[in-house]
Structures are given as C-alpha cells and as structure tokens.
Amino acid sequence: MSLGDAPYTTVAAGGLSIVYALLQTRVALYRIDTGIKFNSVTADGKPDEYLTAIQRVGQNFGEYTPTGLLLMLLLETNSPLPKKLVAAYGAALAVSRLTHAYALNNAYNPKMNHIPFRKFGFLSTAGLLVSAGAYLVYSGAKALRK
C-alpha cells in the first residue's frame, strides 16, 4: 500500500497531526513560561487550572483522533464507499475534533459558554466512530461469509 492508495486519509492525518503538534507545543511553552516541570501544580503547591485545561485539550485530541483516522483509512482502502463520502467523513472528523478542542480550550473563559461546542464536538465524534465502526463490522462480517 502506498500513500496514493489513501489520499484522503493522508491529507486528514497530515492536517490533524499539525493541529496536535500545535496543541502540545502550547503546553510545552506554557510549562517553560511558568516553570512547571511535571504535573500541573505551581511552585507554591496550588493546582494550575489553565495548565490542566490545555493539557486535556491535547490529550483528548490524541485519544480520539487516531481511532477516527484508522477507521477512515479502513473505509478508504477496504470498502466500496465512494471516495467523496470518505472525504466527507474526514472533514466531519476534523470539524468535530477542532470544535471539541476549541470548547475545551475555552472551558475557563468566563465570557464564553463552551458547553454547546463541547457537546457538538463529542457527540459528532462519537457518532462518526460508531457509524464507521458499525459499517466496517457489517462489511467485514459480510466478507467473512463468502
């Protein structure tokens, strides 16, 4: 298999990897600025809630995005789905993960109600994972019966 076999997944994985790297870089730069080396506790022993929040943005992105991309790769290379539908899945995955990251990033912003964005981001991601997973289980079971 080459990158040419899965161009939509290649583009989605590349773009989302850049976002992930930027999210993690933000954590690293904040740690450098504050001098917090490990955990999320300041020098005076108090929890740094902002650091906790930006860590969770990257961690959450890193928890769900790889599974979504793996499913996308399987849809693109092992199913008869139209390539435009696979591209739409990738776009929806990117929008849902970016929306969720935006919501978590603003969890401590008193001027913003982040809950609707967070719900949308999570529910759309979960819906994409379940629908792609169910389709692949169905397709795989059908192939096994042959």
C-alpha atoms as a PDB file:
ATOM      1  CA  MET A   1       0.000   0.000   0.000  1.00  0.00           C
ATOM      2  CA  SER A   2       1.258   3.488  -0.801  1.00  0.00           C
ATOM      3  CA  LEU A   3       0.118   6.973   0.171  1.00  0.00           C
ATOM      4  CA  GLY A   4      -1.579   7.160  -3.211  1.00  0.00           C
ATOM      5  CA  ASP A   5      -3.925   4.372  -2.121  1.00  0.00           C
ATOM      6  CA  ALA A   6      -5.429   6.550   0.598  1.00  0.00           C
ATOM      7  CA  PRO A   7      -5.068  10.215  -0.386  1.00  0.00           C
ATOM      8  CA  TYR A   8      -7.985  11.467   1.723  1.00  0.00           C
ATOM      9  CA  THR A   9      -6.724   9.784   4.867  1.00  0.00           C
ATOM     10  CA  THR A  10      -3.223  11.036   4.106  1.00  0.00           C
ATOM     11  CA  VAL A  11      -4.422  14.642   3.921  1.00  0.00           C
ATOM     12  CA  ALA A  12      -6.613  14.307   7.030  1.00  0.00           C
ATOM     13  CA  ALA A  13      -3.856  12.634   9.045  1.00  0.00           C
ATOM     14  CA  GLY A  14      -1.326  15.241   7.991  1.00  0.00           C
ATOM     15  CA  GLY A  15      -3.570  18.171   8.845  1.00  0.00           C
ATOM     16  CA  LEU A  16      -4.746  16.763  12.164  1.00  0.00           C
ATOM     17  CA  SER A  17      -1.166  15.882  13.116  1.00  0.00           C
ATOM     18  CA  ILE A  18      -0.178  19.514  12.664  1.00  0.00           C
ATOM     19  CA  VAL A  19      -3.049  20.571  14.920  1.00  0.00           C
ATOM     20  CA  TYR A  20      -1.996  18.004  17.532  1.00  0.00           C
ATOM     21  CA  ALA A  21       1.597  19.226  17.442  1.00  0.00           C
ATOM     22  CA  LEU A  22       0.429  22.822  17.902  1.00  0.00           C
ATOM     23  CA  LEU A  23      -1.763  21.849  20.858  1.00  0.00           C
ATOM     24  CA  GLN A  24       1.125  20.047  22.543  1.00  0.00           C
ATOM     25  CA  THR A  25       3.546  22.876  21.769  1.00  0.00           C
ATOM     26  CA  ARG A  26       1.240  25.260  23.590  1.00  0.00           C
ATOM     27  CA  VAL A  27       1.505  23.092  26.702  1.00  0.00           C
ATOM     28  CA  ALA A  28       5.281  22.946  26.449  1.00  0.00           C
ATOM     29  CA  LEU A  29       5.610  26.716  26.016  1.00  0.00           C
ATOM     30  CA  TYR A  30       3.293  27.362  28.968  1.00  0.00           C
ATOM     31  CA  ARG A  31       5.368  24.993  31.106  1.00  0.00           C
ATOM     32  CA  ILE A  32       8.532  26.858  30.105  1.00  0.00           C
ATOM     33  CA  ASP A  33       6.919  30.235  30.897  1.00  0.00           C
ATOM     34  CA  THR A  34       5.639  29.131  34.312  1.00  0.00           C
ATOM     35  CA  GLY A  35       8.481  26.836  35.313  1.00  0.00           C
ATOM     36  CA  ILE A  36       6.093  23.939  35.965  1.00  0.00           C
ATOM     37  CA  LYS A  37       8.053  20.832  35.002  1.00  0.00           C
ATOM     38  CA  PHE A  38       5.712  17.969  35.917  1.00  0.00           C
ATOM     39  CA  ASN A  39       2.057  17.585  36.825  1.00  0.00           C
ATOM     40  CA  SER A  40       0.083  20.818  36.909  1.00  0.00           C
ATOM     41  CA  VAL A  41       0.998  22.232  40.313  1.00  0.00           C
ATOM     42  CA  THR A  42       2.655  25.613  40.765  1.00  0.00           C
ATOM     43  CA  ALA A  43       5.753  26.193  42.885  1.00  0.00           C
ATOM     44  CA  ASP A  44       3.544  27.196  45.835  1.00  0.00           C
ATOM     45  CA  GLY A  45       1.657  23.883  45.655  1.00  0.00           C
ATOM     46  CA  LYS A  46      -1.556  25.179  44.056  1.00  0.00           C
ATOM     47  CA  PRO A  47      -3.101  23.486  41.020  1.00  0.00           C
ATOM     48  CA  ASP A  48      -2.758  25.425  37.775  1.00  0.00           C
ATOM     49  CA  GLU A  49      -6.212  25.002  36.258  1.00  0.00           C
ATOM     50  CA  TYR A  50      -5.248  26.635  32.978  1.00  0.00           C
ATOM     51  CA  LEU A  51      -2.407  24.149  32.502  1.00  0.00           C
ATOM     52  CA  THR A  52      -4.755  21.287  33.316  1.00  0.00           C
ATOM     53  CA  ALA A  53      -7.223  22.576  30.728  1.00  0.00           C
ATOM     54  CA  ILE A  54      -4.702  22.975  27.906  1.00  0.00           C
ATOM     55  CA  GLN A  55      -3.192  19.568  28.701  1.00  0.00           C
ATOM     56  CA  ARG A  56      -6.639  17.991  28.422  1.00  0.00           C
ATOM     57  CA  VAL A  57      -7.204  19.677  25.055  1.00  0.00           C
ATOM     58  CA  GLY A  58      -4.183  17.897  23.603  1.00  0.00           C
ATOM     59  CA  GLN A  59      -4.784  14.651  25.449  1.00  0.00           C
ATOM     60  CA  ASN A  60      -8.401  14.449  24.343  1.00  0.00           C
ATOM     61  CA  PHE A  61      -7.443  15.232  20.761  1.00  0.00           C
ATOM     62  CA  GLY A  62      -4.819  12.488  20.936  1.00  0.00           C
ATOM     63  CA  GLU A  63      -7.287   9.978  22.371  1.00  0.00           C
ATOM     64  CA  TYR A  64      -9.995  10.176  19.722  1.00  0.00           C
ATOM     65  CA  THR A  65      -8.283  11.358  16.536  1.00  0.00           C
ATOM     66  CA  PRO A  66      -6.129   8.254  15.867  1.00  0.00           C
ATOM     67  CA  THR A  67      -9.129   5.930  16.080  1.00  0.00           C
ATOM     68  CA  GLY A  68     -11.092   8.151  13.709  1.00  0.00           C
ATOM     69  CA  LEU A  69      -8.191   8.195  11.263  1.00  0.00           C
ATOM     70  CA  LEU A  70      -7.741   4.417  11.449  1.00  0.00           C
ATOM     71  CA  LEU A  71     -11.422   3.951  10.657  1.00  0.00           C
ATOM     72  CA  MET A  72     -11.103   6.436   7.805  1.00  0.00           C
ATOM     73  CA  LEU A  73      -8.158   4.503   6.383  1.00  0.00           C
ATOM     74  CA  LEU A  74     -10.131   1.258   6.506  1.00  0.00           C
ATOM     75  CA  LEU A  75     -13.129   2.925   4.866  1.00  0.00           C
ATOM     76  CA  GLU A  76     -10.926   4.337   2.118  1.00  0.00           C
ATOM     77  CA  THR A  77      -8.945   1.182   1.369  1.00  0.00           C
ATOM     78  CA  ASN A  78     -11.271  -1.712   2.252  1.00  0.00           C
ATOM     79  CA  SER A  79     -14.772  -0.621   1.366  1.00  0.00           C
ATOM     80  CA  PRO A  80     -16.749   0.159  -1.765  1.00  0.00           C
ATOM     81  CA  LEU A  81     -17.800   3.558  -0.365  1.00  0.00           C
ATOM     82  CA  PRO A  82     -17.468   6.467  -2.776  1.00  0.00           C
ATOM     83  CA  LYS A  83     -14.256   8.422  -2.179  1.00  0.00           C
ATOM     84  CA  LYS A  84     -16.271  11.618  -1.733  1.00  0.00           C
ATOM     85  CA  LEU A  85     -18.093  10.009   1.193  1.00  0.00           C
ATOM     86  CA  VAL A  86     -14.751   9.081   2.758  1.00  0.00           C
ATOM     87  CA  ALA A  87     -13.610  12.675   2.236  1.00  0.00           C
ATOM     88  CA  ALA A  88     -16.801  13.900   3.927  1.00  0.00           C
ATOM     89  CA  TYR A  89     -16.088  11.577   6.870  1.00  0.00           C
ATOM     90  CA  GLY A  90     -12.602  13.072   7.159  1.00  0.00           C
ATOM     91  CA  ALA A  91     -13.939  16.617   7.019  1.00  0.00           C
ATOM     92  CA  ALA A  92     -16.563  15.817   9.645  1.00  0.00           C
ATOM     93  CA  LEU A  93     -13.918  14.221  11.870  1.00  0.00           C
ATOM     94  CA  ALA A  94     -11.706  17.298  11.561  1.00  0.00           C
ATOM     95  CA  VAL A  95     -14.585  19.679  12.325  1.00  0.00           C
ATOM     96  CA  SER A  96     -15.746  17.652  15.323  1.00  0.00           C
ATOM     97  CA  ARG A  97     -12.246  17.351  16.828  1.00  0.00           C
ATOM     98  CA  LEU A  98     -11.437  21.026  16.206  1.00  0.00           C
ATOM     99  CA  THR A  99     -14.755  22.111  17.713  1.00  0.00           C
ATOM    100  CA  HIS A 100     -14.151  19.999  20.794  1.00  0.00           C
ATOM    101  CA  ALA A 101     -10.603  21.338  21.153  1.00  0.00           C
ATOM    102  CA  TYR A 102     -11.936  24.892  20.855  1.00  0.00           C
ATOM    103  CA  ALA A 103     -14.536  24.194  23.550  1.00  0.00           C
ATOM    104  CA  LEU A 104     -12.073  22.655  25.996  1.00  0.00           C
ATOM    105  CA  ASN A 105      -9.631  25.465  25.348  1.00  0.00           C
ATOM    106  CA  ASN A 106     -12.318  27.936  26.421  1.00  0.00           C
ATOM    107  CA  ALA A 107     -13.565  25.967  29.422  1.00  0.00           C
ATOM    108  CA  TYR A 108     -12.137  28.589  31.813  1.00  0.00           C
ATOM    109  CA  ASN A 109     -13.186  31.605  29.751  1.00  0.00           C
ATOM    110  CA  PRO A 110     -15.985  33.261  31.751  1.00  0.00           C
ATOM    111  CA  LYS A 111     -17.138  35.180  28.658  1.00  0.00           C
ATOM    112  CA  MET A 112     -17.931  32.035  26.706  1.00  0.00           C
ATOM    113  CA  ASN A 113     -20.405  29.212  27.140  1.00  0.00           C
ATOM    114  CA  HIS A 114     -18.268  26.327  25.898  1.00  0.00           C
ATOM    115  CA  ILE A 115     -20.823  23.592  26.643  1.00  0.00           C
ATOM    116  CA  PRO A 116     -22.680  23.625  23.274  1.00  0.00           C
ATOM    117  CA  PHE A 117     -19.382  23.393  21.373  1.00  0.00           C
ATOM    118  CA  ARG A 118     -18.165  20.648  23.680  1.00  0.00           C
ATOM    119  CA  LYS A 119     -21.374  18.649  23.252  1.00  0.00           C
ATOM    120  CA  PHE A 120     -21.277  19.026  19.487  1.00  0.00           C
ATOM    121  CA  GLY A 121     -17.615  18.051  19.315  1.00  0.00           C
ATOM    122  CA  PHE A 122     -18.025  14.977  21.483  1.00  0.00           C
ATOM    123  CA  LEU A 123     -21.349  13.757  20.101  1.00  0.00           C
ATOM    124  CA  SER A 124     -20.311  14.211  16.480  1.00  0.00           C
ATOM    125  CA  THR A 125     -17.021  12.401  17.120  1.00  0.00           C
ATOM    126  CA  ALA A 126     -18.818   9.556  18.889  1.00  0.00           C
ATOM    127  CA  GLY A 127     -21.362   9.369  16.068  1.00  0.00           C
ATOM    128  CA  LEU A 128     -18.614   9.188  13.453  1.00  0.00           C
ATOM    129  CA  LEU A 129     -16.734   6.469  15.342  1.00  0.00           C
ATOM    130  CA  VAL A 130     -19.860   4.381  15.927  1.00  0.00           C
ATOM    131  CA  SER A 131     -21.184   4.723  12.382  1.00  0.00           C
ATOM    132  CA  ALA A 132     -17.823   3.947  10.732  1.00  0.00           C
ATOM    133  CA  GLY A 133     -17.180   1.104  13.176  1.00  0.00           C
ATOM    134  CA  ALA A 134     -20.616  -0.418  12.601  1.00  0.00           C
ATOM    135  CA  TYR A 135     -20.217  -0.173   8.829  1.00  0.00           C
ATOM    136  CA  LEU A 136     -16.827  -1.879   8.996  1.00  0.00           C
ATOM    137  CA  VAL A 137     -18.141  -4.656  11.252  1.00  0.00           C
ATOM    138  CA  TYR A 138     -21.009  -5.228   8.812  1.00  0.00           C
ATOM    139  CA  SER A 139     -18.687  -5.169   5.783  1.00  0.00           C
ATOM    140  CA  GLY A 140     -16.154  -7.440   7.458  1.00  0.00           C
ATOM    141  CA  ALA A 141     -18.796  -9.946   8.539  1.00  0.00           C
ATOM    142  CA  LYS A 142     -20.252  -9.949   5.038  1.00  0.00           C
ATOM    143  CA  ALA A 143     -16.808 -10.623   3.547  1.00  0.00           C
ATOM    144  CA  LEU A 144     -16.197 -13.465   6.008  1.00  0.00           C
ATOM    145  CA  ARG A 145     -19.395 -15.221   4.867  1.00  0.00           C
ATOM    146  CA  LYS A 146     -18.117 -15.549   1.310  1.00  0.00           C
END
